[in-house]
Amino acid sequence: MSNPIQIPAKHFIGSGQLPWLIIGRVPGDDDDTGYLILADDEGQAQQVFVDALHADADSCDDTRAELIERYNADHFITTSQMLA
């Protein structure tokens, strides 16, 4: 059995009570991106992830609309795991 490790809060984004690991990508991108997120529930964690993902990709509303038109989604989530 492995020993749990403590991850300092400075490595998380968001402002909720529970730690989450969310991994996904912008459609058409081959590389997944992961964020450690503090959120009160999974829906909130995923929304923080999507907002951060598109902010980092410099996606504007038009870009997101084009992604939805082409891929039927503006993001893909491949992992959504509470870490508690």
PDB file of N, CA and C in Angstrom:
ATOM      1  N   MET A   1       0.847  -1.184   0.000  1.00  0.00           N
ATOM      2  CA  MET A   1       0.000   0.000   0.000  1.00  0.00           C
ATOM      3  C   MET A   1       0.886   1.238   0.000  1.00  0.00           C
ATOM      4  N   SER A   2       0.574   2.172  -0.849  1.00  0.00           N
ATOM      5  CA  SER A   2       1.372   3.388  -0.938  1.00  0.00           C
ATOM      6  C   SER A   2       0.912   4.411   0.088  1.00  0.00           C
ATOM      7  N   ASN A   3       1.808   5.292   0.425  1.00  0.00           N
ATOM      8  CA  ASN A   3       1.496   6.366   1.367  1.00  0.00           C
ATOM      9  C   ASN A   3       0.864   7.524   0.612  1.00  0.00           C
ATOM     10  N   PRO A   4      -0.223   8.081   1.151  1.00  0.00           N
ATOM     11  CA  PRO A   4      -0.824   9.242   0.494  1.00  0.00           C
ATOM     12  C   PRO A   4       0.121  10.440   0.561  1.00  0.00           C
ATOM     13  N   ILE A   5       0.037  11.289  -0.443  1.00  0.00           N
ATOM     14  CA  ILE A   5       0.842  12.501  -0.449  1.00  0.00           C
ATOM     15  C   ILE A   5      -0.064  13.719  -0.336  1.00  0.00           C
ATOM     16  N   GLN A   6       0.459  14.752   0.224  1.00  0.00           N
ATOM     17  CA  GLN A   6      -0.272  16.011   0.344  1.00  0.00           C
ATOM     18  C   GLN A   6       0.115  16.902  -0.831  1.00  0.00           C
ATOM     19  N   ILE A   7      -0.872  17.441  -1.516  1.00  0.00           N
ATOM     20  CA  ILE A   7      -0.629  18.370  -2.612  1.00  0.00           C
ATOM     21  C   ILE A   7      -1.008  19.761  -2.118  1.00  0.00           C
ATOM     22  N   PRO A   8      -0.062  20.679  -2.104  1.00  0.00           N
ATOM     23  CA  PRO A   8      -0.375  22.031  -1.631  1.00  0.00           C
ATOM     24  C   PRO A   8      -1.482  22.696  -2.460  1.00  0.00           C
ATOM     25  N   ALA A   9      -2.289  23.481  -1.797  1.00  0.00           N
ATOM     26  CA  ALA A   9      -3.433  24.144  -2.439  1.00  0.00           C
ATOM     27  C   ALA A   9      -2.999  25.041  -3.594  1.00  0.00           C
ATOM     28  N   LYS A  10      -1.768  25.560  -3.561  1.00  0.00           N
ATOM     29  CA  LYS A  10      -1.313  26.460  -4.630  1.00  0.00           C
ATOM     30  C   LYS A  10      -1.276  25.780  -5.997  1.00  0.00           C
ATOM     31  N   HIS A  11      -1.324  24.447  -6.035  1.00  0.00           N
ATOM     32  CA  HIS A  11      -1.298  23.717  -7.301  1.00  0.00           C
ATOM     33  C   HIS A  11      -2.688  23.494  -7.893  1.00  0.00           C
ATOM     34  N   PHE A  12      -3.711  23.944  -7.198  1.00  0.00           N
ATOM     35  CA  PHE A  12      -5.092  23.758  -7.635  1.00  0.00           C
ATOM     36  C   PHE A  12      -5.661  25.056  -8.189  1.00  0.00           C
ATOM     37  N   ILE A  13      -6.626  24.931  -9.117  1.00  0.00           N
ATOM     38  CA  ILE A  13      -7.420  26.069  -9.538  1.00  0.00           C
ATOM     39  C   ILE A  13      -8.839  25.832  -9.018  1.00  0.00           C
ATOM     40  N   GLY A  14      -9.634  26.868  -8.936  1.00  0.00           N
ATOM     41  CA  GLY A  14     -10.990  26.738  -8.413  1.00  0.00           C
ATOM     42  C   GLY A  14     -11.038  27.092  -6.941  1.00  0.00           C
ATOM     43  N   SER A  15     -12.254  27.072  -6.387  1.00  0.00           N
ATOM     44  CA  SER A  15     -12.408  27.543  -5.001  1.00  0.00           C
ATOM     45  C   SER A  15     -13.377  26.689  -4.188  1.00  0.00           C
ATOM     46  N   GLY A  16     -13.572  25.459  -4.550  1.00  0.00           N
ATOM     47  CA  GLY A  16     -14.487  24.603  -3.810  1.00  0.00           C
ATOM     48  C   GLY A  16     -13.805  23.864  -2.681  1.00  0.00           C
ATOM     49  N   GLN A  17     -14.484  22.849  -2.162  1.00  0.00           N
ATOM     50  CA  GLN A  17     -14.003  22.106  -0.996  1.00  0.00           C
ATOM     51  C   GLN A  17     -13.329  20.771  -1.325  1.00  0.00           C
ATOM     52  N   LEU A  18     -13.619  20.206  -2.497  1.00  0.00           N
ATOM     53  CA  LEU A  18     -13.134  18.864  -2.821  1.00  0.00           C
ATOM     54  C   LEU A  18     -12.085  18.900  -3.935  1.00  0.00           C
ATOM     55  N   PRO A  19     -11.035  18.071  -3.822  1.00  0.00           N
ATOM     56  CA  PRO A  19     -10.005  18.037  -4.863  1.00  0.00           C
ATOM     57  C   PRO A  19     -10.396  17.104  -6.012  1.00  0.00           C
ATOM     58  N   TRP A  20     -10.174  17.563  -7.228  1.00  0.00           N
ATOM     59  CA  TRP A  20     -10.508  16.798  -8.439  1.00  0.00           C
ATOM     60  C   TRP A  20      -9.327  16.819  -9.399  1.00  0.00           C
ATOM     61  N   LEU A  21      -9.195  15.755 -10.172  1.00  0.00           N
ATOM     62  CA  LEU A  21      -8.290  15.721 -11.313  1.00  0.00           C
ATOM     63  C   LEU A  21      -9.170  15.605 -12.550  1.00  0.00           C
ATOM     64  N   ILE A  22      -9.099  16.595 -13.421  1.00  0.00           N
ATOM     65  CA  ILE A  22      -9.863  16.578 -14.663  1.00  0.00           C
ATOM     66  C   ILE A  22      -8.852  16.637 -15.810  1.00  0.00           C
ATOM     67  N   ILE A  23      -8.993  15.714 -16.766  1.00  0.00           N
ATOM     68  CA  ILE A  23      -8.107  15.643 -17.923  1.00  0.00           C
ATOM     69  C   ILE A  23      -8.967  15.635 -19.178  1.00  0.00           C
ATOM     70  N   GLY A  24      -8.528  16.352 -20.191  1.00  0.00           N
ATOM     71  CA  GLY A  24      -9.248  16.374 -21.457  1.00  0.00           C
ATOM     72  C   GLY A  24      -8.500  17.207 -22.469  1.00  0.00           C
ATOM     73  N   ARG A  25      -9.198  17.548 -23.549  1.00  0.00           N
ATOM     74  CA  ARG A  25      -8.548  18.318 -24.606  1.00  0.00           C
ATOM     75  C   ARG A  25      -9.580  19.061 -25.457  1.00  0.00           C
ATOM     76  N   VAL A  26      -9.061  19.987 -26.219  1.00  0.00           N
ATOM     77  CA  VAL A  26      -9.846  20.677 -27.232  1.00  0.00           C
ATOM     78  C   VAL A  26      -9.910  19.742 -28.439  1.00  0.00           C
ATOM     79  N   PRO A  27     -11.068  19.552 -29.053  1.00  0.00           N
ATOM     80  CA  PRO A  27     -11.157  18.695 -30.230  1.00  0.00           C
ATOM     81  C   PRO A  27     -10.163  19.131 -31.312  1.00  0.00           C
ATOM     82  N   GLY A  28      -9.535  18.140 -31.940  1.00  0.00           N
ATOM     83  CA  GLY A  28      -8.538  18.414 -32.962  1.00  0.00           C
ATOM     84  C   GLY A  28      -7.133  18.502 -32.414  1.00  0.00           C
ATOM     85  N   ASP A  29      -6.992  18.579 -31.094  1.00  0.00           N
ATOM     86  CA  ASP A  29      -5.681  18.611 -30.449  1.00  0.00           C
ATOM     87  C   ASP A  29      -5.336  17.187 -30.019  1.00  0.00           C
ATOM     88  N   ASP A  30      -4.111  16.764 -30.261  1.00  0.00           N
ATOM     89  CA  ASP A  30      -3.693  15.407 -29.910  1.00  0.00           C
ATOM     90  C   ASP A  30      -3.256  15.266 -28.460  1.00  0.00           C
ATOM     91  N   ASP A  31      -3.002  16.370 -27.786  1.00  0.00           N
ATOM     92  CA  ASP A  31      -2.466  16.326 -26.432  1.00  0.00           C
ATOM     93  C   ASP A  31      -3.544  16.613 -25.391  1.00  0.00           C
ATOM     94  N   ASP A  32      -3.617  15.747 -24.390  1.00  0.00           N
ATOM     95  CA  ASP A  32      -4.521  15.994 -23.272  1.00  0.00           C
ATOM     96  C   ASP A  32      -3.907  17.013 -22.319  1.00  0.00           C
ATOM     97  N   THR A  33      -4.769  17.724 -21.618  1.00  0.00           N
ATOM     98  CA  THR A  33      -4.374  18.679 -20.591  1.00  0.00           C
ATOM     99  C   THR A  33      -5.054  18.268 -19.297  1.00  0.00           C
ATOM    100  N   GLY A  34      -4.337  18.339 -18.197  1.00  0.00           N
ATOM    101  CA  GLY A  34      -4.913  18.002 -16.905  1.00  0.00           C
ATOM    102  C   GLY A  34      -4.783  19.156 -15.932  1.00  0.00           C
ATOM    103  N   TYR A  35      -5.807  19.314 -15.104  1.00  0.00           N
ATOM    104  CA  TYR A  35      -5.791  20.343 -14.066  1.00  0.00           C
ATOM    105  C   TYR A  35      -6.223  19.720 -12.748  1.00  0.00           C
ATOM    106  N   LEU A  36      -5.569  20.147 -11.679  1.00  0.00           N
ATOM    107  CA  LEU A  36      -6.025  19.855 -10.323  1.00  0.00           C
ATOM    108  C   LEU A  36      -6.979  20.987  -9.953  1.00  0.00           C
ATOM    109  N   ILE A  37      -8.176  20.613  -9.530  1.00  0.00           N
ATOM    110  CA  ILE A  37      -9.240  21.594  -9.329  1.00  0.00           C
ATOM    111  C   ILE A  37      -9.875  21.401  -7.960  1.00  0.00           C
ATOM    112  N   LEU A  38     -10.171  22.505  -7.290  1.00  0.00           N
ATOM    113  CA  LEU A  38     -10.976  22.485  -6.078  1.00  0.00           C
ATOM    114  C   LEU A  38     -12.389  22.908  -6.452  1.00  0.00           C
ATOM    115  N   ALA A  39     -13.365  22.043  -6.162  1.00  0.00           N
ATOM    116  CA  ALA A  39     -14.755  22.322  -6.511  1.00  0.00           C
ATOM    117  C   ALA A  39     -15.667  21.611  -5.524  1.00  0.00           C
ATOM    118  N   ASP A  40     -16.908  22.034  -5.468  1.00  0.00           N
ATOM    119  CA  ASP A  40     -17.861  21.431  -4.541  1.00  0.00           C
ATOM    120  C   ASP A  40     -18.523  20.179  -5.111  1.00  0.00           C
ATOM    121  N   ASP A  41     -18.499  20.019  -6.434  1.00  0.00           N
ATOM    122  CA  ASP A  41     -19.055  18.810  -7.052  1.00  0.00           C
ATOM    123  C   ASP A  41     -18.411  18.611  -8.425  1.00  0.00           C
ATOM    124  N   GLU A  42     -18.699  17.483  -9.042  1.00  0.00           N
ATOM    125  CA  GLU A  42     -18.068  17.149 -10.311  1.00  0.00           C
ATOM    126  C   GLU A  42     -18.453  18.116 -11.435  1.00  0.00           C
ATOM    127  N   GLY A  43     -19.698  18.525 -11.466  1.00  0.00           N
ATOM    128  CA  GLY A  43     -20.129  19.472 -12.492  1.00  0.00           C
ATOM    129  C   GLY A  43     -19.363  20.779 -12.412  1.00  0.00           C
ATOM    130  N   GLN A  44     -19.187  21.282 -11.206  1.00  0.00           N
ATOM    131  CA  GLN A  44     -18.435  22.520 -11.018  1.00  0.00           C
ATOM    132  C   GLN A  44     -16.975  22.312 -11.419  1.00  0.00           C
ATOM    133  N   ALA A  45     -16.389  21.178 -11.044  1.00  0.00           N
ATOM    134  CA  ALA A  45     -14.997  20.884 -11.394  1.00  0.00           C
ATOM    135  C   ALA A  45     -14.825  20.847 -12.909  1.00  0.00           C
ATOM    136  N   GLN A  46     -15.758  20.207 -13.592  1.00  0.00           N
ATOM    137  CA  GLN A  46     -15.659  20.126 -15.044  1.00  0.00           C
ATOM    138  C   GLN A  46     -15.832  21.487 -15.695  1.00  0.00           C
ATOM    139  N   GLN A  47     -16.691  22.337 -15.156  1.00  0.00           N
ATOM    140  CA  GLN A  47     -16.862  23.677 -15.721  1.00  0.00           C
ATOM    141  C   GLN A  47     -15.604  24.517 -15.526  1.00  0.00           C
ATOM    142  N   VAL A  48     -14.971  24.414 -14.369  1.00  0.00           N
ATOM    143  CA  VAL A  48     -13.703  25.125 -14.140  1.00  0.00           C
ATOM    144  C   VAL A  48     -12.658  24.625 -15.139  1.00  0.00           C
ATOM    145  N   PHE A  49     -12.626  23.300 -15.363  1.00  0.00           N
ATOM    146  CA  PHE A  49     -11.691  22.716 -16.336  1.00  0.00           C
ATOM    147  C   PHE A  49     -11.930  23.296 -17.726  1.00  0.00           C
ATOM    148  N   VAL A  50     -13.169  23.283 -18.184  1.00  0.00           N
ATOM    149  CA  VAL A  50     -13.494  23.760 -19.537  1.00  0.00           C
ATOM    150  C   VAL A  50     -13.106  25.230 -19.681  1.00  0.00           C
ATOM    151  N   ASP A  51     -13.420  26.037 -18.688  1.00  0.00           N
ATOM    152  CA  ASP A  51     -13.075  27.461 -18.748  1.00  0.00           C
ATOM    153  C   ASP A  51     -11.559  27.649 -18.832  1.00  0.00           C
ATOM    154  N   ALA A  52     -10.800  26.912 -18.014  1.00  0.00           N
ATOM    155  CA  ALA A  52      -9.342  27.023 -18.023  1.00  0.00           C
ATOM    156  C   ALA A  52      -8.751  26.485 -19.326  1.00  0.00           C
ATOM    157  N   LEU A  53      -9.305  25.391 -19.817  1.00  0.00           N
ATOM    158  CA  LEU A  53      -8.825  24.787 -21.057  1.00  0.00           C
ATOM    159  C   LEU A  53      -8.927  25.778 -22.215  1.00  0.00           C
ATOM    160  N   HIS A  54     -10.089  26.416 -22.345  1.00  0.00           N
ATOM    161  CA  HIS A  54     -10.278  27.361 -23.442  1.00  0.00           C
ATOM    162  C   HIS A  54      -9.509  28.655 -23.216  1.00  0.00           C
ATOM    163  N   ALA A  55      -9.339  29.070 -21.983  1.00  0.00           N
ATOM    164  CA  ALA A  55      -8.525  30.261 -21.701  1.00  0.00           C
ATOM    165  C   ALA A  55      -7.073  30.002 -22.110  1.00  0.00           C
ATOM    166  N   ASP A  56      -6.543  28.836 -21.768  1.00  0.00           N
ATOM    167  CA  ASP A  56      -5.169  28.504 -22.134  1.00  0.00           C
ATOM    168  C   ASP A  56      -4.993  28.346 -23.642  1.00  0.00           C
ATOM    169  N   ALA A  57      -6.036  27.914 -24.335  1.00  0.00           N
ATOM    170  CA  ALA A  57      -5.986  27.735 -25.786  1.00  0.00           C
ATOM    171  C   ALA A  57      -6.335  29.024 -26.540  1.00  0.00           C
ATOM    172  N   ASP A  58      -6.629  30.099 -25.798  1.00  0.00           N
ATOM    173  CA  ASP A  58      -7.042  31.371 -26.400  1.00  0.00           C
ATOM    174  C   ASP A  58      -8.244  31.206 -27.328  1.00  0.00           C
ATOM    175  N   SER A  59      -9.181  30.344 -26.928  1.00  0.00           N
ATOM    176  CA  SER A  59     -10.395  30.108 -27.723  1.00  0.00           C
ATOM    177  C   SER A  59     -11.413  31.214 -27.467  1.00  0.00           C
ATOM    178  N   CYS A  60     -11.834  31.871 -28.520  1.00  0.00           N
ATOM    179  CA  CYS A  60     -12.899  32.862 -28.409  1.00  0.00           C
ATOM    180  C   CYS A  60     -14.238  32.172 -28.687  1.00  0.00           C
ATOM    181  N   ASP A  61     -15.316  32.897 -28.546  1.00  0.00           N
ATOM    182  CA  ASP A  61     -16.649  32.319 -28.783  1.00  0.00           C
ATOM    183  C   ASP A  61     -16.784  31.770 -30.197  1.00  0.00           C
ATOM    184  N   ASP A  62     -16.218  32.470 -31.176  1.00  0.00           N
ATOM    185  CA  ASP A  62     -16.298  32.000 -32.555  1.00  0.00           C
ATOM    186  C   ASP A  62     -15.538  30.688 -32.741  1.00  0.00           C
ATOM    187  N   THR A  63     -14.375  30.581 -32.125  1.00  0.00           N
ATOM    188  CA  THR A  63     -13.588  29.349 -32.211  1.00  0.00           C
ATOM    189  C   THR A  63     -14.349  28.196 -31.581  1.00  0.00           C
ATOM    190  N   ARG A  64     -14.943  28.439 -30.432  1.00  0.00           N
ATOM    191  CA  ARG A  64     -15.709  27.384 -29.761  1.00  0.00           C
ATOM    192  C   ARG A  64     -16.914  26.968 -30.594  1.00  0.00           C
ATOM    193  N   ALA A  65     -17.570  27.927 -31.251  1.00  0.00           N
ATOM    194  CA  ALA A  65     -18.708  27.606 -32.112  1.00  0.00           C
ATOM    195  C   ALA A  65     -18.259  26.752 -33.299  1.00  0.00           C
ATOM    196  N   GLU A  66     -17.091  27.056 -33.858  1.00  0.00           N
ATOM    197  CA  GLU A  66     -16.552  26.269 -34.965  1.00  0.00           C
ATOM    198  C   GLU A  66     -16.239  24.837 -34.517  1.00  0.00           C
ATOM    199  N   LEU A  67     -15.694  24.696 -33.318  1.00  0.00           N
ATOM    200  CA  LEU A  67     -15.415  23.354 -32.784  1.00  0.00           C
ATOM    201  C   LEU A  67     -16.702  22.553 -32.620  1.00  0.00           C
ATOM    202  N   ILE A  68     -17.722  23.201 -32.101  1.00  0.00           N
ATOM    203  CA  ILE A  68     -19.010  22.518 -31.914  1.00  0.00           C
ATOM    204  C   ILE A  68     -19.598  22.109 -33.258  1.00  0.00           C
ATOM    205  N   GLU A  69     -19.484  22.986 -34.241  1.00  0.00           N
ATOM    206  CA  GLU A  69     -20.008  22.663 -35.571  1.00  0.00           C
ATOM    207  C   GLU A  69     -19.265  21.472 -36.186  1.00  0.00           C
ATOM    208  N   ARG A  70     -17.956  21.447 -36.001  1.00  0.00           N
ATOM    209  CA  ARG A  70     -17.151  20.383 -36.629  1.00  0.00           C
ATOM    210  C   ARG A  70     -17.148  19.074 -35.844  1.00  0.00           C
ATOM    211  N   TYR A  71     -17.066  19.160 -34.499  1.00  0.00           N
ATOM    212  CA  TYR A  71     -16.902  17.970 -33.661  1.00  0.00           C
ATOM    213  C   TYR A  71     -18.104  17.668 -32.762  1.00  0.00           C
ATOM    214  N   ASN A  72     -19.125  18.506 -32.812  1.00  0.00           N
ATOM    215  CA  ASN A  72     -20.284  18.395 -31.917  1.00  0.00           C
ATOM    216  C   ASN A  72     -19.914  18.597 -30.450  1.00  0.00           C
ATOM    217  N   ALA A  73     -18.774  19.216 -30.206  1.00  0.00           N
ATOM    218  CA  ALA A  73     -18.328  19.517 -28.840  1.00  0.00           C
ATOM    219  C   ALA A  73     -17.190  20.526 -28.918  1.00  0.00           C
ATOM    220  N   ASP A  74     -17.043  21.340 -27.866  1.00  0.00           N
ATOM    221  CA  ASP A  74     -15.898  22.249 -27.832  1.00  0.00           C
ATOM    222  C   ASP A  74     -14.829  21.774 -26.859  1.00  0.00           C
ATOM    223  N   HIS A  75     -15.047  20.600 -26.282  1.00  0.00           N
ATOM    224  CA  HIS A  75     -14.043  19.980 -25.407  1.00  0.00           C
ATOM    225  C   HIS A  75     -14.375  18.498 -25.252  1.00  0.00           C
ATOM    226  N   PHE A  76     -13.355  17.722 -24.904  1.00  0.00           N
ATOM    227  CA  PHE A  76     -13.541  16.322 -24.531  1.00  0.00           C
ATOM    228  C   PHE A  76     -12.926  16.142 -23.153  1.00  0.00           C
ATOM    229  N   ILE A  77     -13.662  15.516 -22.239  1.00  0.00           N
ATOM    230  CA  ILE A  77     -13.122  15.165 -20.927  1.00  0.00           C
ATOM    231  C   ILE A  77     -12.864  13.666 -20.934  1.00  0.00           C
ATOM    232  N   THR A  78     -11.618  13.296 -20.681  1.00  0.00           N
ATOM    233  CA  THR A  78     -11.247  11.875 -20.694  1.00  0.00           C
ATOM    234  C   THR A  78     -11.152  11.276 -19.289  1.00  0.00           C
ATOM    235  N   THR A  79     -10.914  12.133 -18.298  1.00  0.00           N
ATOM    236  CA  THR A  79     -10.844  11.682 -16.903  1.00  0.00           C
ATOM    237  C   THR A  79     -11.465  12.735 -16.015  1.00  0.00           C
ATOM    238  N   SER A  80     -12.312  12.291 -15.089  1.00  0.00           N
ATOM    239  CA  SER A  80     -12.919  13.168 -14.111  1.00  0.00           C
ATOM    240  C   SER A  80     -12.950  12.405 -12.795  1.00  0.00           C
ATOM    241  N   GLN A  81     -11.988  12.684 -11.920  1.00  0.00           N
ATOM    242  CA  GLN A  81     -11.790  11.853 -10.725  1.00  0.00           C
ATOM    243  C   GLN A  81     -11.645  12.714  -9.475  1.00  0.00           C
ATOM    244  N   MET A  82     -12.489  12.440  -8.481  1.00  0.00           N
ATOM    245  CA  MET A  82     -12.308  13.100  -7.188  1.00  0.00           C
ATOM    246  C   MET A  82     -11.110  12.461  -6.489  1.00  0.00           C
ATOM    247  N   LEU A  83     -10.290  13.266  -5.855  1.00  0.00           N
ATOM    248  CA  LEU A  83      -9.037  12.780  -5.255  1.00  0.00           C
ATOM    249  C   LEU A  83      -9.109  12.552  -3.760  1.00  0.00           C
ATOM    250  N   ALA A  84     -10.243  12.731  -3.158  1.00  0.00           N
ATOM    251  CA  ALA A  84     -10.346  12.572  -1.693  1.00  0.00           C
ATOM    252  C   ALA A  84     -10.414  11.109  -1.299  1.00  0.00           C
TER     253      ALA A  84
END
